[in-house]
Protein backbone atom coordinates (compact mmCIF):
# COMPACT_ATOMS: atom_id res chain seq x y z
CA MET A 1 39.17 -56.99 20.67
CA ARG A 2 38.57 -55.09 17.44
CA VAL A 3 36.40 -52.32 18.90
CA HIS A 4 36.62 -49.95 21.86
CA LEU A 5 34.27 -50.41 24.78
CA PHE A 6 31.51 -47.83 24.97
CA GLY A 7 31.58 -45.90 28.23
CA ALA A 8 35.08 -46.91 29.26
CA ALA A 9 37.31 -44.36 30.99
CA SER A 10 39.53 -44.29 27.90
CA SER A 11 36.66 -43.68 25.44
CA PRO A 12 36.97 -39.85 25.25
CA ALA A 13 40.73 -40.08 24.68
CA CYS A 14 40.27 -42.72 22.00
CA ALA A 15 37.64 -40.62 20.23
CA ASN A 16 39.84 -37.54 20.26
CA PHE A 17 42.84 -39.50 19.02
CA GLY A 18 40.78 -41.03 16.20
CA LEU A 19 39.54 -37.64 14.99
CA LYS A 20 43.00 -36.07 15.13
CA TYR A 21 44.51 -39.07 13.32
CA ILE A 22 41.96 -38.75 10.51
CA ALA A 23 42.64 -35.01 10.29
CA ALA A 24 46.38 -35.66 10.05
CA GLN A 25 45.81 -38.18 7.25
CA GLY A 26 43.73 -35.60 5.39
CA GLN A 27 46.53 -33.05 5.21
CA GLY A 28 47.07 -32.08 1.59
CA GLN A 29 43.92 -33.87 0.34
CA PHE A 30 41.37 -31.55 1.96
CA SER A 31 41.32 -27.83 2.64
CA GLU A 32 43.12 -26.45 5.69
CA ALA A 33 39.80 -25.16 7.08
CA THR A 34 38.29 -28.66 6.99
CA VAL A 35 41.28 -30.24 8.70
CA ARG A 36 41.25 -27.51 11.34
CA LEU A 37 37.52 -28.11 11.92
CA ILE A 38 38.17 -31.75 12.83
CA GLU A 39 41.25 -30.92 14.94
CA ARG A 40 40.05 -27.89 16.89
CA ASN A 41 36.25 -27.80 16.95
CA PHE A 42 35.31 -31.20 18.33
CA TYR A 43 34.77 -32.07 21.98
CA VAL A 44 34.75 -35.89 22.10
CA ASP A 45 32.02 -36.60 19.50
CA ASP A 46 30.32 -33.17 19.34
CA GLY A 47 31.44 -30.53 16.87
CA LEU A 48 30.60 -26.84 17.13
CA ILE A 49 31.55 -24.13 14.64
CA SER A 50 30.21 -20.91 13.10
CA PHE A 51 30.54 -19.53 9.57
CA HIS A 52 30.31 -16.13 7.97
CA SER A 53 28.06 -17.35 5.13
CA GLU A 54 25.72 -20.25 4.37
CA LYS A 55 27.68 -21.15 1.24
CA GLU A 56 30.85 -21.54 3.27
CA ALA A 57 29.02 -23.68 5.83
CA ILE A 58 27.60 -26.07 3.22
CA CYS A 59 30.97 -26.50 1.52
CA LEU A 60 32.86 -27.14 4.75
CA VAL A 61 30.25 -29.57 6.15
CA ASN A 62 30.38 -31.68 2.98
CA GLU A 63 34.16 -31.75 3.03
CA ALA A 64 34.16 -32.70 6.72
CA LYS A 65 31.83 -35.62 5.99
CA GLN A 66 34.13 -36.81 3.20
CA LEU A 67 37.19 -36.53 5.43
CA CYS A 68 35.53 -38.56 8.21
CA ASN A 69 34.37 -41.17 5.70
CA THR A 70 38.01 -41.95 4.95
CA GLY A 71 38.23 -43.28 8.52
CA LYS A 72 34.84 -45.06 8.41
CA LEU A 73 33.27 -42.37 10.63
CA ARG A 74 29.85 -40.93 9.77
CA LEU A 75 29.00 -37.37 10.74
CA HIS A 76 25.29 -36.93 11.42
CA LYS A 77 22.71 -35.26 13.70
CA PHE A 78 23.39 -31.83 12.20
CA VAL A 79 21.63 -28.77 13.60
CA SER A 80 21.82 -25.26 12.21
CA ASN A 81 19.97 -21.96 12.56
CA SER A 82 19.88 -21.76 8.74
CA GLN A 83 17.20 -23.56 6.75
CA GLN A 84 19.35 -23.44 3.64
CA VAL A 85 22.14 -25.38 5.34
CA LEU A 86 19.72 -28.01 6.65
CA LYS A 87 18.11 -28.44 3.21
CA SER A 88 21.53 -29.18 1.71
CA LEU A 89 21.87 -32.19 4.01
CA PRO A 90 19.95 -35.47 3.79
CA LYS A 91 17.17 -35.81 6.36
CA GLU A 92 18.70 -38.89 7.90
CA GLY A 93 21.82 -36.85 8.64
CA CYS A 94 19.97 -34.16 10.63
CA ALA A 95 18.97 -34.22 14.27
CA GLU A 96 15.46 -35.37 15.19
CA THR A 97 14.36 -31.89 16.21
CA ALA A 98 15.59 -30.46 12.92
CA LYS A 99 13.48 -33.02 11.01
CA THR A 100 10.22 -32.35 12.84
CA LYS A 101 10.44 -28.61 13.53
CA ASP A 102 10.10 -25.91 10.93
CA LEU A 103 12.37 -22.99 11.71
CA ALA A 104 10.35 -20.75 9.41
CA LEU A 105 7.45 -21.01 11.85
CA ARG A 106 9.78 -19.63 14.56
CA GLU A 107 9.03 -22.47 16.91
CA GLN A 108 11.19 -22.57 20.00
CA GLN A 109 13.46 -25.40 18.97
CA THR A 110 15.99 -25.93 21.74
CA GLU A 111 19.16 -27.96 21.43
CA ARG A 112 22.13 -28.49 23.73
CA ALA A 113 25.43 -27.10 22.48
CA LEU A 114 28.06 -28.80 24.65
CA GLY A 115 25.63 -28.77 27.56
CA VAL A 116 24.42 -25.18 27.08
CA LYS A 117 20.81 -24.72 25.98
CA TRP A 118 20.67 -23.12 22.52
CA CYS A 119 17.42 -21.82 21.05
CA VAL A 120 18.03 -22.50 17.35
CA ALA A 121 15.25 -20.30 15.93
CA SER A 122 16.24 -17.11 17.74
CA ASP A 123 19.93 -18.11 17.89
CA HIS A 124 20.54 -17.32 21.53
CA PHE A 125 21.56 -19.15 24.67
CA GLN A 126 19.14 -19.47 27.55
CA PHE A 127 19.00 -21.01 31.00
CA ARG A 128 16.13 -23.06 32.37
CA VAL A 129 17.03 -24.74 35.62
CA VAL A 130 14.63 -27.42 36.78
CA VAL A 131 14.88 -27.58 40.56
CA ASN A 132 14.11 -30.95 42.01
CA GLU A 133 12.90 -31.33 45.54
CA ARG A 134 15.92 -31.14 47.79
CA PRO A 135 16.12 -31.08 51.58
CA LEU A 136 16.71 -27.68 53.19
CA SER A 137 20.21 -28.57 54.28
CA ARG A 138 23.79 -27.97 53.32
CA ARG A 139 23.70 -31.04 51.08
CA GLY A 140 20.64 -29.72 49.24
CA VAL A 141 22.17 -26.26 48.78
CA LEU A 142 25.31 -27.73 47.23
CA SER A 143 23.27 -29.92 44.89
CA ILE A 144 21.13 -27.04 43.57
CA VAL A 145 23.96 -24.51 43.21
CA ALA A 146 26.09 -27.05 41.34
CA SER A 147 23.19 -27.92 39.01
CA ILE A 148 23.44 -24.55 37.23
CA TYR A 149 25.58 -25.45 34.24
CA ASP A 150 27.23 -22.27 33.01
CA PRO A 151 30.75 -22.98 31.68
CA LEU A 152 31.24 -19.38 30.50
CA ASP A 153 30.03 -18.00 33.85
CA LEU A 154 27.63 -15.63 32.12
CA LEU A 155 25.40 -15.84 35.20
CA ALA A 156 28.29 -15.31 37.62
CA PRO A 157 26.68 -12.48 39.67
CA PHE A 158 23.56 -14.54 40.36
CA VAL A 159 25.39 -17.81 41.13
CA LEU A 160 27.67 -15.92 43.53
CA LEU A 161 24.72 -15.29 45.87
CA GLY A 162 24.09 -19.04 46.13
CA LYS A 163 27.79 -19.71 46.73
CA GLN A 164 27.82 -17.16 49.55
CA ILE A 165 24.99 -18.98 51.32
CA LEU A 166 26.87 -22.26 50.99
CA GLN A 167 30.07 -20.64 52.26
CA GLN A 168 28.27 -19.24 55.29
CA MET A 169 27.06 -22.73 56.16
CA CYS A 170 30.65 -23.99 55.88
CA ARG A 171 31.84 -21.21 58.19
CA ASP A 172 29.19 -22.12 60.72
CA LYS A 173 30.32 -25.75 60.42
CA THR A 174 26.76 -26.83 59.75
CA ASP A 175 26.26 -30.56 59.42
CA TRP A 176 25.48 -31.84 55.91
CA ASP A 177 21.92 -32.84 56.80
CA ALA A 178 21.21 -30.30 59.52
CA PRO A 179 18.25 -27.91 58.90
CA PHE A 180 18.72 -24.25 57.96
CA SER A 181 19.31 -21.62 60.57
CA SER A 182 16.68 -18.90 61.01
CA GLU A 183 19.06 -16.38 59.44
CA LEU A 184 19.91 -18.30 56.26
CA LYS A 185 16.49 -19.80 55.49
CA PRO A 186 14.91 -16.53 54.14
CA ARG A 187 18.01 -15.83 52.03
CA TRP A 188 17.92 -19.30 50.51
CA GLU A 189 14.19 -19.24 49.78
CA SER A 190 14.54 -15.85 48.11
CA TRP A 191 17.42 -17.09 45.94
CA LEU A 192 15.57 -20.30 45.10
CA SER A 193 12.43 -18.46 43.97
CA ASP A 194 14.60 -16.13 41.90
CA LEU A 195 16.16 -19.12 40.17
CA LYS A 196 13.07 -19.57 37.97
CA LYS A 197 13.52 -16.06 36.55
CA LEU A 198 16.70 -17.15 34.79
CA ALA A 199 14.43 -18.24 31.93
CA ASP A 200 14.14 -14.53 31.04
CA VAL A 201 17.90 -14.29 30.48
CA LYS A 202 18.73 -14.63 26.78
CA ILE A 203 22.23 -14.21 25.40
CA ASN A 204 23.03 -13.86 21.71
CA ARG A 205 25.17 -16.70 20.48
CA CYS A 206 26.95 -14.60 17.88
CA TYR A 207 29.33 -11.91 19.10
CA LEU A 208 28.47 -9.61 16.18
CA PRO A 209 25.08 -8.64 14.65
CA LYS A 210 24.16 -9.81 11.15
CA ASP A 211 24.47 -6.37 9.55
CA PHE A 212 27.97 -5.78 10.90
CA ARG A 213 30.52 -5.02 8.20
CA ALA A 214 34.00 -6.49 7.82
CA VAL A 215 35.91 -6.16 11.07
CA GLN A 216 38.93 -3.89 11.07
CA LYS A 217 40.10 -4.44 14.64
CA TYR A 218 39.27 -6.63 17.62
CA GLU A 219 39.84 -5.66 21.24
CA LEU A 220 39.46 -7.61 24.49
CA HIS A 221 38.61 -5.60 27.60
CA TYR A 222 38.98 -7.23 31.01
CA PHE A 223 37.30 -5.71 34.08
CA SER A 224 38.21 -6.93 37.56
CA ASP A 225 36.89 -6.00 40.98
CA ALA A 226 36.82 -7.30 44.54
CA SER A 227 34.85 -6.71 47.72
CA VAL A 228 34.51 -8.36 51.09
CA PRO A 229 32.01 -11.05 49.87
CA GLY A 230 34.03 -12.04 46.78
CA TYR A 231 35.88 -11.03 43.64
CA GLY A 232 35.23 -11.41 39.94
CA VAL A 233 36.20 -10.67 36.33
CA CYS A 234 34.21 -10.06 33.16
CA THR A 235 35.55 -9.88 29.61
CA TYR A 236 34.10 -8.07 26.58
CA LEU A 237 35.03 -8.47 22.92
CA ARG A 238 34.94 -5.09 21.16
CA ALA A 239 34.88 -5.02 17.36
CA ILE A 240 35.35 -2.03 15.05
CA SER A 241 34.29 -2.39 11.41
CA VAL A 242 35.89 -0.76 8.37
CA SER A 243 32.96 1.66 8.25
CA GLY A 244 33.43 2.72 11.88
CA GLN A 245 30.69 0.58 13.46
CA ILE A 246 31.32 -0.45 17.05
CA HIS A 247 29.90 -3.47 18.80
CA TYR A 248 30.93 -5.48 21.82
CA SER A 249 29.54 -8.36 23.81
CA LEU A 250 30.21 -10.37 26.96
CA VAL A 251 32.57 -13.27 26.21
CA PHE A 252 33.63 -14.79 29.52
CA ALA A 253 33.35 -14.12 33.23
CA LYS A 254 34.42 -15.57 36.54
CA SER A 255 33.32 -14.97 40.13
CA ARG A 256 34.61 -16.46 43.36
CA VAL A 257 33.70 -16.08 46.99
CA ALA A 258 36.35 -14.54 49.22
CA PRO A 259 38.48 -17.00 51.22
CA THR A 260 37.18 -17.93 54.65
CA ARG A 261 40.45 -16.71 56.12
CA VAL A 262 40.32 -12.95 56.59
CA THR A 263 42.01 -11.26 53.63
CA THR A 264 42.47 -7.56 52.91
CA VAL A 265 40.55 -6.01 50.02
CA PRO A 266 43.77 -4.97 48.19
CA ARG A 267 44.85 -8.60 48.17
CA LEU A 268 41.46 -9.65 46.80
CA GLU A 269 41.73 -6.95 44.12
CA LEU A 270 45.14 -8.32 43.19
CA SER A 271 43.74 -11.87 43.06
CA ALA A 272 41.00 -10.66 40.70
CA ALA A 273 43.66 -9.08 38.48
CA VAL A 274 45.52 -12.41 38.34
CA VAL A 275 42.30 -14.19 37.31
CA ALA A 276 41.90 -11.64 34.49
CA VAL A 277 45.42 -12.42 33.27
CA ARG A 278 44.74 -16.17 33.27
CA ILE A 279 41.52 -15.65 31.34
CA SER A 280 43.49 -13.55 28.86
CA ASP A 281 45.93 -16.39 28.20
CA MET A 282 43.03 -18.79 27.63
CA LEU A 283 40.97 -16.52 25.34
CA LYS A 284 43.89 -15.61 23.11
CA ALA A 285 44.39 -19.30 22.39
CA GLU A 286 40.69 -20.16 21.98
CA LEU A 287 39.38 -17.19 19.98
CA GLU A 288 42.19 -17.46 17.41
CA LEU A 289 42.02 -13.78 16.46
CA GLU A 290 45.20 -12.27 15.09
CA ASN A 291 46.67 -8.97 16.31
CA ILE A 292 44.03 -8.59 18.99
CA GLU A 293 44.52 -5.71 21.42
CA GLU A 294 43.98 -6.20 25.15
CA CYS A 295 43.18 -3.76 27.91
CA PHE A 296 42.77 -4.46 31.63
CA TRP A 297 40.57 -2.24 33.81
CA THR A 298 40.46 -2.03 37.60
CA ASP A 299 39.05 0.45 40.10
CA SER A 300 41.85 -0.20 42.60
CA GLN A 301 44.63 2.38 42.58
CA VAL A 302 46.55 0.16 45.00
CA VAL A 303 46.74 -2.63 42.40
CA LEU A 304 47.86 -0.17 39.73
CA GLY A 305 50.56 1.02 42.12
CA TYR A 306 51.74 -2.55 42.74
CA ILE A 307 51.89 -3.34 39.02
CA SER A 308 53.75 -0.16 38.06
CA ASN A 309 56.20 -0.42 40.96
CA GLU A 310 59.83 -1.07 40.12
CA ALA A 311 61.62 0.12 43.25
CA ARG A 312 60.20 -1.60 46.32
CA ARG A 313 59.98 -5.27 47.22
CA PHE A 314 56.81 -6.99 48.47
CA HIS A 315 55.98 -9.84 50.76
CA VAL A 316 55.70 -13.31 49.20
CA PHE A 317 51.97 -13.31 48.32
CA VAL A 318 51.92 -9.90 46.63
CA ALA A 319 55.30 -10.47 44.99
CA ASN A 320 54.09 -13.73 43.38
CA GLN A 321 50.83 -12.19 42.19
CA VAL A 322 52.56 -9.16 40.66
CA GLN A 323 55.12 -11.42 39.01
CA ARG A 324 52.29 -13.51 37.46
CA ILE A 325 50.64 -10.38 36.10
CA LYS A 326 53.87 -9.10 34.56
CA GLU A 327 54.55 -12.45 32.88
CA SER A 328 51.60 -11.98 30.50
CA THR A 329 50.91 -8.24 30.48
CA LYS A 330 52.68 -4.91 30.51
CA PRO A 331 52.00 -2.14 33.06
CA MET A 332 50.83 0.18 30.27
CA GLN A 333 47.93 -2.21 29.51
CA TRP A 334 46.40 -1.63 32.95
CA LYS A 335 43.99 1.29 33.29
CA TYR A 336 41.73 2.81 35.88
CA VAL A 337 37.92 2.77 35.74
CA ALA A 338 35.53 4.32 38.23
CA SER A 339 33.64 1.89 40.46
CA GLU A 340 30.22 2.98 39.19
CA GLU A 341 31.26 2.14 35.60
CA ASN A 342 32.95 -1.16 36.43
CA PRO A 343 30.65 -4.08 35.46
CA ALA A 344 32.87 -6.49 37.42
CA ASP A 345 31.42 -4.91 40.56
CA HIS A 346 28.37 -7.16 39.98
CA ALA A 347 30.59 -10.26 39.88
CA SER A 348 32.12 -9.38 43.25
CA ARG A 349 28.89 -8.49 45.09
CA GLY A 350 26.19 -10.53 43.33
CA LEU A 351 22.88 -9.69 41.63
CA LYS A 352 19.38 -11.11 41.56
CA ALA A 353 18.05 -12.49 38.27
CA LYS A 354 15.78 -9.50 37.63
CA ASP A 355 18.55 -7.00 38.35
CA LEU A 356 20.96 -8.99 36.18
CA VAL A 357 18.84 -8.39 33.07
CA THR A 358 18.50 -4.65 33.66
CA SER A 359 22.12 -4.03 34.73
CA ASN A 360 25.12 -3.28 32.50
CA TRP A 361 26.46 -6.80 33.00
CA PHE A 362 25.65 -8.00 29.48
CA CYS A 363 25.89 -4.66 27.68
CA GLY A 364 29.00 -3.45 29.50
CA PRO A 365 30.04 0.11 30.37
CA SER A 366 28.80 2.88 28.09
CA PHE A 367 32.26 4.24 27.25
CA LEU A 368 33.10 1.10 25.24
CA TRP A 369 30.59 2.23 22.60
CA GLN A 370 32.50 5.45 22.00
CA GLU A 371 35.08 5.80 19.25
CA GLU A 372 37.64 7.23 21.64
CA LEU A 373 37.96 5.23 24.83
CA LEU A 374 38.74 6.70 28.21
CA SER A 375 42.44 7.17 28.69
CA GLY A 376 42.23 5.32 31.99
CA GLU A 377 45.50 6.91 33.00
CA ILE A 378 45.71 7.96 36.59
CA LYS A 379 48.68 9.26 38.49
CA VAL A 380 49.69 6.61 40.97
CA GLY A 381 51.97 7.89 43.70
CA GLU A 382 55.09 6.11 44.84
CA LEU A 383 54.48 3.30 47.29
CA GLN A 384 55.14 4.32 50.84
CA SER A 385 57.25 2.25 53.18
CA GLU A 386 54.27 2.18 55.59
CA ASP A 387 52.29 -0.02 53.18
CA PRO A 388 51.78 -3.37 54.97
CA GLU A 389 52.62 -5.30 51.77
CA VAL A 390 55.99 -3.59 51.31
CA ARG A 391 58.82 -5.62 52.72
CA LYS A 392 60.90 -3.74 55.25
CA VAL A 393 64.56 -3.43 54.28
CA VAL A 394 67.01 -3.79 57.17
CA VAL A 395 70.57 -2.56 56.65
CA HIS A 396 73.30 -3.59 59.09
CA ARG A 397 76.34 -1.37 59.47
CA THR A 398 79.56 -2.78 60.89
CA THR A 399 82.70 -0.88 61.78
CA ALA A 400 86.15 -2.41 62.21
CA ARG A 401 88.67 -0.97 64.70
CA LEU A 402 92.33 -1.72 64.35
CA GLU A 403 93.99 -2.71 67.59
CA SER A 404 97.62 -1.96 68.39
CA LEU A 405 100.07 -4.80 69.02
CA ALA A 406 100.39 -3.82 72.65
CA GLU A 407 96.58 -4.13 73.15
CA SER A 408 96.73 -7.67 71.74
CA PHE A 409 99.31 -8.68 74.37
CA VAL A 410 96.76 -8.04 77.14
CA LYS A 411 94.72 -11.05 75.95
CA PHE A 412 97.40 -13.50 77.16
CA SER A 413 97.27 -14.68 80.77
CA SER A 414 101.02 -15.14 81.27
CA TRP A 415 104.35 -14.07 79.87
CA SER A 416 105.32 -17.60 78.77
CA ARG A 417 102.09 -17.97 76.71
CA LEU A 418 102.81 -14.70 74.95
CA VAL A 419 106.37 -15.73 74.09
CA LYS A 420 105.17 -19.08 72.69
CA ALA A 421 102.53 -17.36 70.55
CA ILE A 422 105.09 -14.95 69.09
CA ALA A 423 107.45 -17.85 68.38
CA ARG A 424 104.72 -19.72 66.49
CA PHE A 425 103.88 -16.57 64.55
CA ILE A 426 107.52 -16.10 63.52
CA ARG A 427 107.84 -19.75 62.47
CA PHE A 428 104.61 -19.53 60.42
CA GLY A 429 105.99 -16.47 58.65
CA ARG A 430 109.19 -18.29 57.74
CA GLU A 431 107.26 -21.32 56.51
CA PHE A 432 104.95 -19.12 54.42
CA LYS A 433 107.96 -17.43 52.81
CA LYS A 434 109.50 -20.88 52.36
CA MET A 435 112.57 -19.87 54.34
CA GLN A 436 112.29 -23.15 56.20
CA GLY A 437 110.39 -26.40 55.88
CA ARG A 438 107.15 -27.16 57.64
CA THR A 439 107.52 -29.10 60.90
CA SER A 440 105.37 -30.25 63.79
CA GLU A 441 108.06 -29.90 66.44
CA THR A 442 107.61 -27.67 69.44
CA THR A 443 108.88 -24.13 69.00
CA SER A 444 112.05 -23.26 70.83
CA LEU A 445 112.19 -20.22 73.06
């Protein structure tokens, strides 16, 4: 066979290998930016990248096409929010929607960027979930909740409400095709009707506005929170320009329902902190921003006490979580934020679609817009031994009492046994001092 089968299980791996092989062959012949575009910005056969200027985009796209041509691969179906970039490309190389729609007329041209709906004209992401008729059962709930494709979890507070309904059905051990209970049916119908309002949610694709000057410093701020229904994390990228402009935007979020097994809120808060650390490791690798500063915010003083503790030992769960946090962060990076200013509170409790738009979920807390951030320093007292997560330390004290030789004689039941024991002891002493050879004969009295 001289070609790969289309749709085989190995097809994605073969496509990725082919692109990376072509990029490796282009080292030294093409610019480093072009090679990096092929290596890092393709997911199977879809490429996604942003540029600071149209001139840079045109140059890099042409170079990428030349590099792929060396491996007999043709890049096509280009889409851009810039008319100038599209005009620089032949019409047969653009996507069908880009050929027929005129961006200057501000028509709502919608494309899919790796599965996420992207309105090209206004350059923002949007969500339009088409709900098919599903039975009012546990199977139908799972199907509809899973149909919301949101890889960045930007709608985490809203999706959490649907997950909670599904979790409640699992707790009740409802059969997959059994009808709704009278308690859950109103909650599900309310959430389902609210699902259509997600069309009003629009998120800017670009992290920075067009008039933003050269960036002097980038910062990543992670907010974590937990409650009885669930726990969640939201991350904001804060940029400061050379002229002192400040802008930040929501980058990534995550929300999870609380485990069905009863868990204390401090443990959930600690789990949310661990999720924030894992997101940090991922974003630092994906954003590729040098010398980026990170700050972690939580409204749990208990978690701050666990992280800053150096004296006491914890039980296995807390000890492992604290160890994971300290592997990637330092205690000085963790700060306190009041609950009313913590946007992650929405990810742990849930929000309706209408409330999601009007909340501070997308815009973040107000203090991030200030030049001087809150210190976030709070005096955390020393952990008390009464804390249920602190491992109790048990110290055993032993005392040794020297017995006299006469007291040792009482242990023998007869005089002859005592005499034999003393004879063996004397012989052992002579053998140890090598005054006589070792023998197995019976001792003589």
